[in-house]
C-alpha cells in the first residue's frame, strides 16, 4: 500500500517516475493565466493568517463548505478568522476524492512543509504553525512565488486599469516577472446602458480620449491596447458564454453604439451583433501585436440570484453551461483568417462534452505559420482536476499535437495554488509512462519524450508567448 502523497504520488510506473523526477519536476513555472492581485505583489504583502491566504476569495472551498452545511457567516461572513478555518477543517474530510483534498494537502506540504492530515483534531496545530510561518519574509507574496520557482505570471486586467502595480513590480527588480493580460469583455457588454456608459467614462479617463461615437470607442481601446503592449502584455483573454459571429455592418455598429451612448436599450439581436463586431476588432488588435488570444467558453454565471445580490460575482454560484459553440467559433475565426488577422489562439471549455469539438474545429485554422498556433487549453475550473486533466491530455493527443501544448495554468486568485502545476505534470508523466511500458510508444524515442515533457511543462509556453 502506498503512502498518501508520497514522492511518487500519481506515478504508477517506473518510467512515469523517471519522467517526472528527472524532467518535469525541475522546470520553473510559467503561469500565463491567473487572477492574482498585482497590488499584493507590488507591496510584497504578508497575510495575517492561514485563513486569509487560504479561504479569502476561494470560491472552490466556499462551495464545498456550503455543500457541507456550513453557515455563510463562517464562509464570507464576519465570524472570527480561526472559527472560519475550523469550519474548513471540519469540511475537508468530506471532500475526499474531490481535488480540494489533494490540493489542500499538497499546499500544506510543498509550501509549509506540514505533512499532517488536516482534520478537526489537527486544525489548531496546523493553523498556528502555518500562520507563524506567514509572518516571515520568506512567506510574503513574493516569497511564496520565489519558493515555488515561479518565473513569470500573467494577471487578468481591464483596459481601464492603470497597471501602476505592474510598473512598480517591474521597477522593483523582483525576479519573477508579472505581466498584464488584456481582458476587454466590459467594452462589449452593452446589456445595461447605464453601466456601460459608466464604464465608458472610465475608459475615457484612462485613454484621455472623448468617446462620442463608435470610432472613438475603437480609438480609445487601441490606445489602451498599445499601453498594455508597452507594459509587456502578450496575451488577451475573453471570459464569455460562447463565441459571437452574427452578421453585421459598420453602420450597425455605429447605430447600436449611438443609441447605447444616449442611454437607450437595444434588442438581444443587436447586442449579439455588437459583441460579434467587437470580438472581431479585438482579434485584429491582437494579431497586429502578435499576441495570443484566449477564450474561456461555457460558464453560466451568477445563477443564485439571492446570493448574487448579497455577495456579487465570483463567489461560488457559477456552473457549467450548455451553449452552442462550433458554428460561431468557426465563423469568427474564418473572418479573422480571411483578413489575415487571426492571432495565436488558446481555447478553454467548461463543458467536458466540448473537448473534441473545440480541438477539431480550432485545428481548421492552423496554417503552418506557427507551431501550435491554435491551442486547446488546459482543463479549466470544474475540469481542473485529475479526470479533467487526463481527458484534456488524451483528447488533445488523439485529435491534435500534445507535444506542442503550452501547458498548465492555475487560473487562481491564490498565492498557494502553484502545486496545481505539479499535479498536472505528474498526471502527464503518468500517462506517457504507461504508454511506454504498455508498448504503445517506442522506448527508442525516450529522449524525445523526455524533452517533450520538459517542453509541455515550460519550454513551449516560453517560446509560444515569446516570454
Protein backbone atom coordinates (compact mmCIF):
# COMPACT_ATOMS: atom_id res chain seq x y z
CA UNK A 1 0.00 0.00 0.00
CA UNK A 2 1.39 3.40 -1.00
CA UNK A 3 1.63 6.29 1.41
CA UNK A 4 -0.62 9.28 0.79
CA UNK A 5 1.14 11.96 -1.28
CA UNK A 6 4.48 10.16 -1.27
CA UNK A 7 7.21 11.21 -3.69
CA UNK A 8 5.66 9.01 -6.39
CA UNK A 9 2.10 10.31 -5.96
CA UNK A 10 0.07 9.64 -9.16
CA UNK A 11 3.09 7.97 -10.80
CA UNK A 12 2.13 4.35 -11.45
CA UNK A 13 5.17 3.08 -13.37
CA UNK A 14 8.94 3.29 -13.16
CA UNK A 15 9.03 5.16 -16.46
CA UNK A 16 6.50 7.71 -15.21
CA UNK A 17 8.61 8.22 -12.12
CA UNK A 18 11.74 8.82 -14.20
CA UNK A 19 9.91 11.24 -16.50
CA UNK A 20 8.61 13.27 -13.59
CA UNK A 21 11.56 13.33 -11.21
CA UNK A 22 14.17 13.60 -13.93
CA UNK A 23 12.46 16.08 -16.25
CA UNK A 24 9.11 17.66 -15.33
CA UNK A 25 9.78 18.44 -11.68
CA UNK A 26 12.85 20.57 -12.33
CA UNK A 27 11.18 23.01 -14.72
CA UNK A 28 10.28 26.52 -13.46
CA UNK A 29 6.65 27.65 -13.51
CA UNK A 30 5.20 29.94 -16.15
CA UNK A 31 1.65 30.74 -15.02
CA UNK A 32 0.37 32.56 -18.08
CA UNK A 33 -3.22 32.91 -16.86
CA UNK A 34 -4.15 33.76 -13.27
CA UNK A 35 -6.20 36.24 -11.26
CA UNK A 36 -3.63 37.30 -8.68
CA UNK A 37 -3.90 40.84 -7.35
CA UNK A 38 -0.77 42.68 -8.58
CA UNK A 39 -1.11 45.20 -5.74
CA UNK A 40 -0.31 42.44 -3.25
CA UNK A 41 2.82 41.54 -5.20
CA UNK A 42 3.92 45.17 -5.57
CA UNK A 43 3.59 45.66 -1.80
CA UNK A 44 5.10 42.25 -1.00
CA UNK A 45 2.05 41.67 1.17
CA UNK A 46 2.18 39.36 4.18
CA UNK A 47 -1.02 37.52 5.03
CA UNK A 48 -2.28 37.78 8.57
CA UNK A 49 -3.07 34.10 8.94
CA UNK A 50 -3.78 30.86 7.12
CA UNK A 51 -7.47 31.69 6.81
CA UNK A 52 -6.78 34.88 4.86
CA UNK A 53 -4.42 33.28 2.34
CA UNK A 54 -6.41 30.04 2.01
CA UNK A 55 -10.09 30.96 2.29
CA UNK A 56 -10.16 34.59 1.24
CA UNK A 57 -11.76 34.68 -2.20
CA UNK A 58 -11.51 30.92 -2.81
CA UNK A 59 -14.93 30.00 -4.14
CA UNK A 60 -13.86 26.37 -4.66
CA UNK A 61 -13.63 25.97 -0.89
CA UNK A 62 -16.72 28.11 -0.32
CA UNK A 63 -18.84 25.80 -2.49
CA UNK A 64 -17.61 22.75 -0.58
CA UNK A 65 -18.33 24.35 2.79
CA UNK A 66 -21.85 25.33 1.76
CA UNK A 67 -22.46 21.78 0.49
CA UNK A 68 -21.30 20.51 3.89
CA UNK A 69 -23.89 22.61 5.71
CA UNK A 70 -21.62 25.41 6.92
CA UNK A 71 -23.40 28.68 7.64
CA UNK A 72 -22.45 31.58 5.36
CA UNK A 73 -21.21 33.60 8.33
CA UNK A 74 -18.26 31.18 8.53
CA UNK A 75 -17.57 31.46 4.79
CA UNK A 76 -17.93 35.06 3.65
CA UNK A 77 -19.34 36.49 6.89
CA UNK A 78 -17.88 38.12 9.97
CA UNK A 79 -17.05 35.13 12.16
CA UNK A 80 -13.54 35.18 13.70
CA UNK A 81 -10.78 34.02 11.41
CA UNK A 82 -9.86 30.87 13.31
CA UNK A 83 -13.52 29.85 13.58
CA UNK A 84 -13.74 30.02 9.79
CA UNK A 85 -10.64 27.89 9.49
CA UNK A 86 -12.08 25.27 11.86
CA UNK A 87 -15.15 25.03 9.64
CA UNK A 88 -12.89 24.37 6.67
CA UNK A 89 -11.01 21.72 8.68
CA UNK A 90 -14.36 20.13 9.56
CA UNK A 91 -15.35 20.13 5.88
CA UNK A 92 -12.12 18.80 4.42
CA UNK A 93 -12.59 15.11 5.35
CA UNK A 94 -15.86 15.20 3.44
CA UNK A 95 -14.00 16.33 0.29
CA UNK A 96 -12.17 13.02 -0.15
CA UNK A 97 -11.98 12.22 -3.90
CA UNK A 98 -12.61 15.89 -4.63
CA UNK A 99 -9.47 17.68 -5.94
CA UNK A 100 -9.67 20.04 -2.96
CA UNK A 101 -8.45 17.21 -0.75
CA UNK A 102 -5.30 16.71 -2.82
CA UNK A 103 -4.70 20.43 -3.42
CA UNK A 104 -5.07 21.28 0.27
CA UNK A 105 -2.53 18.73 1.40
CA UNK A 106 -0.14 19.42 -1.48
CA UNK A 107 -0.14 23.10 -0.48
CA UNK A 108 0.48 22.27 3.16
CA UNK A 109 3.40 20.03 2.24
CA UNK A 110 5.05 21.90 -0.62
CA UNK A 111 4.71 25.40 0.82
CA UNK A 112 4.72 24.95 4.60
CA UNK A 113 6.37 21.55 4.98
CA UNK A 114 3.39 20.34 7.01
CA UNK A 115 2.70 16.64 6.41
CA UNK A 116 -0.12 16.12 8.89
CA UNK A 117 -3.60 15.43 7.56
CA UNK A 118 -5.91 18.39 8.13
CA UNK A 119 -8.94 17.37 10.18
CA UNK A 120 -10.72 18.95 13.17
CA UNK A 121 -8.24 17.37 15.62
CA UNK A 122 -5.21 18.87 13.85
CA UNK A 123 -6.74 22.21 12.87
CA UNK A 124 -5.33 24.26 15.75
CA UNK A 125 -1.76 22.98 15.37
CA UNK A 126 -1.71 23.42 11.57
CA UNK A 127 -3.29 26.85 11.78
CA UNK A 128 -0.78 28.07 14.36
CA UNK A 129 2.23 26.63 12.54
CA UNK A 130 1.32 27.96 9.10
CA UNK A 131 0.21 31.34 10.46
CA UNK A 132 3.54 31.77 12.24
CA UNK A 133 5.39 30.98 9.02
CA UNK A 134 3.30 33.50 7.09
CA UNK A 135 4.75 36.25 9.26
CA UNK A 136 8.23 35.52 7.88
CA UNK A 137 9.58 37.32 4.83
CA UNK A 138 10.04 34.02 3.00
CA UNK A 139 6.25 33.61 3.06
CA UNK A 140 5.22 37.04 1.76
CA UNK A 141 3.57 37.14 -1.67
CA UNK A 142 6.94 37.46 -3.35
CA UNK A 143 8.48 34.92 -1.03
CA UNK A 144 5.78 32.37 -1.89
CA UNK A 145 6.31 32.87 -5.64
CA UNK A 146 10.07 32.55 -5.28
CA UNK A 147 9.66 29.50 -3.05
CA UNK A 148 7.62 27.76 -5.76
CA UNK A 149 10.09 28.63 -8.56
CA UNK A 150 7.65 30.86 -10.40
CA UNK A 151 9.43 32.54 -13.28
CA UNK A 152 6.51 34.51 -14.72
CA UNK A 153 2.80 35.15 -14.18
CA UNK A 154 0.22 36.93 -16.27
CA UNK A 155 -2.61 38.59 -14.34
CA UNK A 156 -6.02 39.45 -15.80
CA UNK A 157 -6.66 43.17 -16.26
CA UNK A 158 -9.30 45.51 -17.64
CA UNK A 159 -8.35 48.04 -20.36
CA UNK A 160 -9.07 50.85 -17.89
CA UNK A 161 -6.52 49.54 -15.37
CA UNK A 162 -3.61 51.90 -14.76
CA UNK A 163 -1.18 48.95 -14.42
CA UNK A 164 0.57 51.02 -11.77
CA UNK A 165 1.31 47.94 -9.69
CA UNK A 166 2.76 46.08 -12.66
CA UNK A 167 5.05 49.03 -13.23
CA UNK A 168 6.04 49.10 -9.56
CA UNK A 169 6.86 45.38 -9.65
CA UNK A 170 8.94 45.79 -12.80
CA UNK A 171 10.85 48.73 -11.34
CA UNK A 172 11.47 46.89 -8.06
CA UNK A 173 13.70 44.30 -9.69
CA UNK A 174 11.63 41.36 -8.41
CA UNK A 175 12.96 38.23 -10.12
CA UNK A 176 9.50 36.88 -11.02
CA UNK A 177 8.07 38.74 -13.99
CA UNK A 178 4.46 39.91 -13.57
CA UNK A 179 2.79 40.87 -16.85
CA UNK A 180 -0.75 42.11 -17.53
CA UNK A 181 -3.33 40.37 -19.70
CA UNK A 182 -5.85 42.37 -21.74
CA UNK A 183 -9.43 41.40 -20.69
CA UNK A 184 -11.78 43.74 -22.64
CA UNK A 185 -15.11 41.99 -22.04
CA UNK A 186 -16.69 45.04 -20.40
CA UNK A 187 -16.09 47.05 -23.56
CA UNK A 188 -18.69 44.96 -25.40
CA UNK A 189 -21.14 44.42 -22.52
CA UNK A 190 -23.95 46.74 -23.60
CA UNK A 191 -26.86 44.90 -21.96
CA UNK A 192 -27.21 47.62 -19.31
CA UNK A 193 -26.78 51.07 -20.97
CA UNK A 194 -26.24 52.88 -17.65
CA UNK A 195 -23.48 50.52 -16.51
CA UNK A 196 -21.90 50.57 -19.95
CA UNK A 197 -21.83 54.36 -20.09
CA UNK A 198 -20.25 54.43 -16.64
CA UNK A 199 -17.59 52.11 -17.97
CA UNK A 200 -17.01 54.34 -20.98
CA UNK A 201 -16.36 57.21 -18.58
CA UNK A 202 -13.54 55.18 -17.04
CA UNK A 203 -12.22 54.32 -20.48
CA UNK A 204 -12.24 57.99 -21.47
CA UNK A 205 -10.23 58.88 -18.41
CA UNK A 206 -7.73 56.06 -18.91
CA UNK A 207 -7.17 56.78 -22.60
CA UNK A 208 -7.59 60.57 -22.47
CA UNK A 209 -9.92 60.26 -25.48
CA UNK A 210 -13.50 61.56 -25.52
CA UNK A 211 -15.86 58.82 -26.64
CA UNK A 212 -18.84 60.19 -28.55
CA UNK A 213 -19.13 57.74 -31.44
CA UNK A 214 -18.14 54.19 -32.33
CA UNK A 215 -14.85 55.21 -33.95
CA UNK A 216 -13.93 56.98 -30.71
CA UNK A 217 -14.51 53.74 -28.81
CA UNK A 218 -12.12 51.87 -31.08
CA UNK A 219 -9.53 54.67 -30.82
CA UNK A 220 -9.70 54.60 -27.01
CA UNK A 221 -9.37 50.82 -26.93
CA UNK A 222 -6.42 50.88 -29.33
CA UNK A 223 -4.80 53.49 -27.13
CA UNK A 224 -5.08 51.19 -24.13
CA UNK A 225 -4.06 48.15 -26.17
CA UNK A 226 -0.86 50.00 -27.11
CA UNK A 227 -0.28 50.87 -23.47
CA UNK A 228 -0.69 47.27 -22.36
CA UNK A 229 1.79 46.20 -25.03
CA UNK A 230 4.29 48.78 -23.77
CA UNK A 231 3.90 47.23 -20.31
CA UNK A 232 4.86 43.81 -21.63
CA UNK A 233 1.42 42.33 -22.31
CA UNK A 234 1.45 39.42 -24.74
CA UNK A 235 -1.99 37.89 -24.20
CA UNK A 236 -5.64 38.82 -24.27
CA UNK A 237 -8.46 36.91 -22.63
CA UNK A 238 -12.23 36.68 -23.04
CA UNK A 239 -14.46 35.08 -20.43
CA UNK A 240 -17.71 34.67 -22.38
CA UNK A 241 -20.56 32.20 -22.59
CA UNK A 242 -19.92 31.37 -26.25
CA UNK A 243 -18.48 32.85 -29.43
CA UNK A 244 -20.28 35.66 -31.24
CA UNK A 245 -20.23 35.88 -35.02
CA UNK A 246 -23.51 37.39 -36.15
CA UNK A 247 -23.63 39.21 -39.47
CA UNK A 248 -23.27 42.95 -39.01
CA UNK A 249 -22.26 46.08 -40.89
CA UNK A 250 -20.22 49.08 -39.87
CA UNK A 251 -23.46 51.07 -39.91
CA UNK A 252 -25.00 48.57 -37.47
CA UNK A 253 -22.11 49.07 -35.07
CA UNK A 254 -22.34 52.85 -35.26
CA UNK A 255 -26.11 52.94 -34.80
CA UNK A 256 -26.13 50.49 -31.89
CA UNK A 257 -23.35 52.39 -30.15
CA UNK A 258 -25.07 55.76 -30.70
CA UNK A 259 -28.26 54.52 -29.08
CA UNK A 260 -26.43 52.99 -26.14
CA UNK A 261 -24.48 56.21 -25.67
CA UNK A 262 -27.80 58.06 -25.42
CA UNK A 263 -28.92 55.61 -22.73
CA UNK A 264 -31.37 53.74 -24.96
CA UNK A 265 -31.81 50.00 -24.67
CA UNK A 266 -31.23 47.68 -27.62
CA UNK A 267 -32.58 44.28 -28.63
CA UNK A 268 -30.86 40.97 -27.94
CA UNK A 269 -30.13 40.60 -31.65
CA UNK A 270 -28.40 43.98 -31.63
CA UNK A 271 -26.43 43.01 -28.53
CA UNK A 272 -25.21 39.88 -30.33
CA UNK A 273 -24.26 41.90 -33.41
CA UNK A 274 -22.31 44.37 -31.30
CA UNK A 275 -20.47 41.61 -29.45
CA UNK A 276 -19.67 39.99 -32.80
CA UNK A 277 -18.18 43.19 -34.18
CA UNK A 278 -16.18 43.87 -31.05
CA UNK A 279 -14.75 40.33 -30.88
CA UNK A 280 -13.53 40.78 -34.45
CA UNK A 281 -11.92 44.13 -33.65
CA UNK A 282 -10.24 42.71 -30.55
CA UNK A 283 -8.89 39.85 -32.65
CA UNK A 284 -7.46 42.28 -35.20
CA UNK A 285 -5.68 44.26 -32.46
CA UNK A 286 -4.18 41.09 -31.01
CA UNK A 287 -2.97 39.82 -34.38
CA UNK A 288 -1.30 43.12 -35.15
CA UNK A 289 0.65 42.90 -31.89
CA UNK A 290 1.40 39.18 -32.37
CA UNK A 291 -0.30 38.44 -29.08
CA UNK A 292 -2.10 35.21 -28.22
CA UNK A 293 -5.84 35.48 -27.65
CA UNK A 294 -7.53 33.28 -25.05
CA UNK A 295 -11.21 32.31 -24.96
CA UNK A 296 -12.74 30.86 -21.78
CA UNK A 297 -16.05 29.49 -23.02
CA UNK A 298 -19.07 27.90 -21.39
CA UNK A 299 -19.61 29.26 -17.88
CA UNK A 300 -23.17 30.14 -16.87
CA UNK A 301 -22.67 32.74 -14.15
CA UNK A 302 -24.42 34.19 -11.10
CA UNK A 303 -27.19 31.60 -11.08
CA UNK A 304 -28.28 32.10 -7.49
CA UNK A 305 -30.00 35.48 -7.73
CA UNK A 306 -30.36 35.92 -3.99
CA UNK A 307 -26.69 35.26 -3.27
CA UNK A 308 -25.54 37.31 -6.26
CA UNK A 309 -27.38 40.31 -4.82
CA UNK A 310 -25.80 39.63 -1.44
CA UNK A 311 -22.20 38.79 -2.38
CA UNK A 312 -21.73 39.79 -6.03
CA UNK A 313 -19.93 37.81 -8.76
CA UNK A 314 -17.20 35.17 -8.42
CA UNK A 315 -18.45 33.88 -5.08
CA UNK A 316 -19.24 30.26 -5.96
CA UNK A 317 -22.56 30.34 -7.78
CA UNK A 318 -21.41 29.69 -11.34
CA UNK A 319 -21.75 26.45 -13.25
CA UNK A 320 -21.18 24.57 -16.50
CA UNK A 321 -23.31 25.90 -19.35
CA UNK A 322 -24.52 24.12 -22.49
CA UNK A 323 -24.12 26.76 -25.17
CA UNK A 324 -23.83 26.21 -28.92
CA UNK A 325 -20.22 26.79 -29.89
CA UNK A 326 -18.94 25.34 -33.16
CA UNK A 327 -20.75 27.39 -35.81
CA UNK A 328 -19.94 30.81 -34.35
CA UNK A 329 -16.38 29.83 -33.44
CA UNK A 330 -15.63 28.77 -37.00
CA UNK A 331 -17.31 31.84 -38.42
CA UNK A 332 -15.35 34.25 -36.18
CA UNK A 333 -12.02 32.58 -36.86
CA UNK A 334 -12.76 32.35 -40.58
CA UNK A 335 -13.45 36.10 -40.71
CA UNK A 336 -10.17 36.86 -38.99
CA UNK A 337 -8.26 34.30 -41.07
CA UNK A 338 -9.65 35.67 -44.34
CA UNK A 339 -8.44 39.14 -43.35
CA UNK A 340 -5.02 37.79 -42.37
CA UNK A 341 -5.72 38.80 -38.75
CA UNK A 342 -6.11 35.51 -36.89
CA UNK A 343 -3.85 35.65 -33.84
CA UNK A 344 -2.41 32.72 -31.94
CA UNK A 345 -5.38 31.31 -30.05
CA UNK A 346 -5.96 29.25 -26.89
CA UNK A 347 -9.39 27.76 -26.24
CA UNK A 348 -10.73 26.62 -22.85
CA UNK A 349 -14.11 24.94 -22.48
CA UNK A 350 -16.00 24.40 -19.24
CA UNK A 351 -18.31 21.68 -20.55
CA UNK A 352 -16.35 18.41 -20.96
CA UNK A 353 -18.61 17.39 -23.83
CA UNK A 354 -16.92 20.11 -25.91
CA UNK A 355 -13.33 18.85 -25.77
CA UNK A 356 -13.39 17.12 -29.14
CA UNK A 357 -15.50 19.88 -30.64
CA UNK A 358 -13.02 22.56 -29.58
CA UNK A 359 -9.95 20.68 -30.79
CA UNK A 360 -11.24 19.62 -34.19
CA UNK A 361 -12.71 23.00 -35.06
CA UNK A 362 -9.73 25.01 -33.78
CA UNK A 363 -7.44 22.88 -35.94
CA UNK A 364 -9.36 24.07 -39.00
CA UNK A 365 -7.28 27.23 -38.72
CA UNK A 366 -3.72 26.01 -38.27
CA UNK A 367 -1.87 27.39 -41.27
CA UNK A 368 1.72 26.21 -40.85
CA UNK A 369 2.94 29.67 -39.84
CA UNK A 370 3.47 28.95 -36.13
CA UNK A 371 3.85 25.57 -34.40
CA UNK A 372 0.78 25.04 -32.26
CA UNK A 373 -0.88 28.26 -33.42
CA UNK A 374 -4.35 27.04 -32.43
CA UNK A 375 -4.18 25.62 -28.91
CA UNK A 376 -6.62 23.57 -26.84
CA UNK A 377 -6.03 24.92 -23.34
CA UNK A 378 -5.64 23.10 -20.06
CA UNK A 379 -8.56 21.77 -18.05
CA UNK A 380 -10.36 24.85 -16.76
CA UNK A 381 -12.22 25.47 -13.49
CA UNK A 382 -14.51 22.49 -12.87
CA UNK A 383 -12.30 20.45 -15.25
CA UNK A 384 -9.10 21.38 -13.42
CA UNK A 385 -8.84 18.01 -11.66
CA UNK A 386 -7.42 14.55 -12.28
CA UNK A 387 -10.18 13.24 -14.56
CA UNK A 388 -10.42 16.55 -16.41
CA UNK A 389 -6.66 16.76 -16.91
CA UNK A 390 -6.45 13.19 -18.16
CA UNK A 391 -9.34 13.75 -20.56
CA UNK A 392 -7.80 17.00 -21.83
CA UNK A 393 -4.43 15.32 -22.40
CA UNK A 394 -5.95 12.25 -24.06
CA UNK A 395 -8.37 14.17 -26.27
CA UNK A 396 -5.64 16.57 -27.39
CA UNK A 397 -3.32 13.62 -28.02
CA UNK A 398 -5.69 11.77 -30.36
CA UNK A 399 -7.04 14.82 -32.21
CA UNK A 400 -4.09 17.21 -32.18
CA UNK A 401 -0.47 17.59 -31.13
CA UNK A 402 0.07 17.14 -27.40
CA UNK A 403 3.78 17.78 -27.99
CA UNK A 404 3.01 21.42 -28.88
CA UNK A 405 0.77 22.05 -25.85
CA UNK A 406 1.71 25.16 -23.84
CA UNK A 407 0.90 23.54 -20.51
CA UNK A 408 -0.82 24.19 -17.23
CA UNK A 409 -2.13 27.34 -15.58
CA UNK A 410 -3.53 27.97 -12.10
CA UNK A 411 -6.39 30.32 -13.17
CA UNK A 412 -6.33 31.18 -9.46
CA UNK A 413 -6.60 34.13 -7.11
CA UNK A 414 -4.48 32.34 -4.52
CA UNK A 415 -0.74 32.54 -3.94
CA UNK A 416 -0.84 28.94 -2.71
CA UNK A 417 -2.14 27.36 -5.93
CA UNK A 418 1.17 26.56 -7.61
CA UNK A 419 1.13 22.85 -6.67
CA UNK A 420 -1.55 22.53 -9.37
CA UNK A 421 1.33 22.65 -11.85
CA UNK A 422 2.89 19.69 -10.06
CA UNK A 423 -0.45 17.88 -10.12
CA UNK A 424 -0.68 18.35 -13.87
CA UNK A 425 2.95 17.38 -14.50
CA UNK A 426 2.56 14.17 -12.52
CA UNK A 427 -0.61 13.34 -14.46
CA UNK A 428 1.12 13.99 -17.79
CA UNK A 429 4.14 11.85 -16.90
CA UNK A 430 1.93 9.04 -15.62
CA UNK A 431 0.01 8.81 -18.90
CA UNK A 432 3.14 8.88 -21.06
CA UNK A 433 4.90 6.43 -18.75
CA UNK A 434 2.05 3.93 -19.01
CA UNK A 435 2.06 4.23 -22.81
CA UNK A 436 5.79 3.45 -22.89
CA UNK A 437 5.52 0.46 -20.58
CA UNK A 438 2.45 -0.87 -22.44
CA UNK A 439 4.31 -0.76 -25.77
CA UNK A 440 2.08 2.00 -27.13
CA UNK A 441 5.09 4.28 -27.57
CA UNK A 442 8.61 3.13 -28.52
CA UNK A 443 11.33 3.19 -25.86
CA UNK A 444 13.78 4.14 -28.61
CA UNK A 445 12.10 7.56 -28.62
CA UNK A 446 12.53 8.15 -24.89
CA UNK A 447 14.97 11.07 -25.43
CA UNK A 448 12.29 12.84 -27.48
CA UNK A 449 9.65 12.13 -24.82
CA UNK A 450 11.94 13.38 -22.05
CA UNK A 451 12.25 16.67 -23.92
CA UNK A 452 8.55 16.70 -24.75
CA UNK A 453 7.69 16.56 -21.06
CA UNK A 454 10.03 19.48 -20.34
CA UNK A 455 8.54 21.41 -23.26
CA UNK A 456 4.95 20.97 -22.11
CA UNK A 457 5.91 21.89 -18.55
CA UNK A 458 7.81 25.05 -19.52
CA UNK A 459 9.60 25.48 -22.86
CA UNK A 460 6.55 25.52 -25.14
CA UNK A 461 4.94 28.40 -23.25
CA UNK A 462 8.18 30.37 -23.17
CA UNK A 463 8.56 30.05 -26.93
CA UNK A 464 4.88 30.41 -27.90
CA UNK A 465 4.40 33.67 -25.99
CA UNK A 466 7.94 34.96 -26.62
CA UNK A 467 8.47 35.49 -22.88
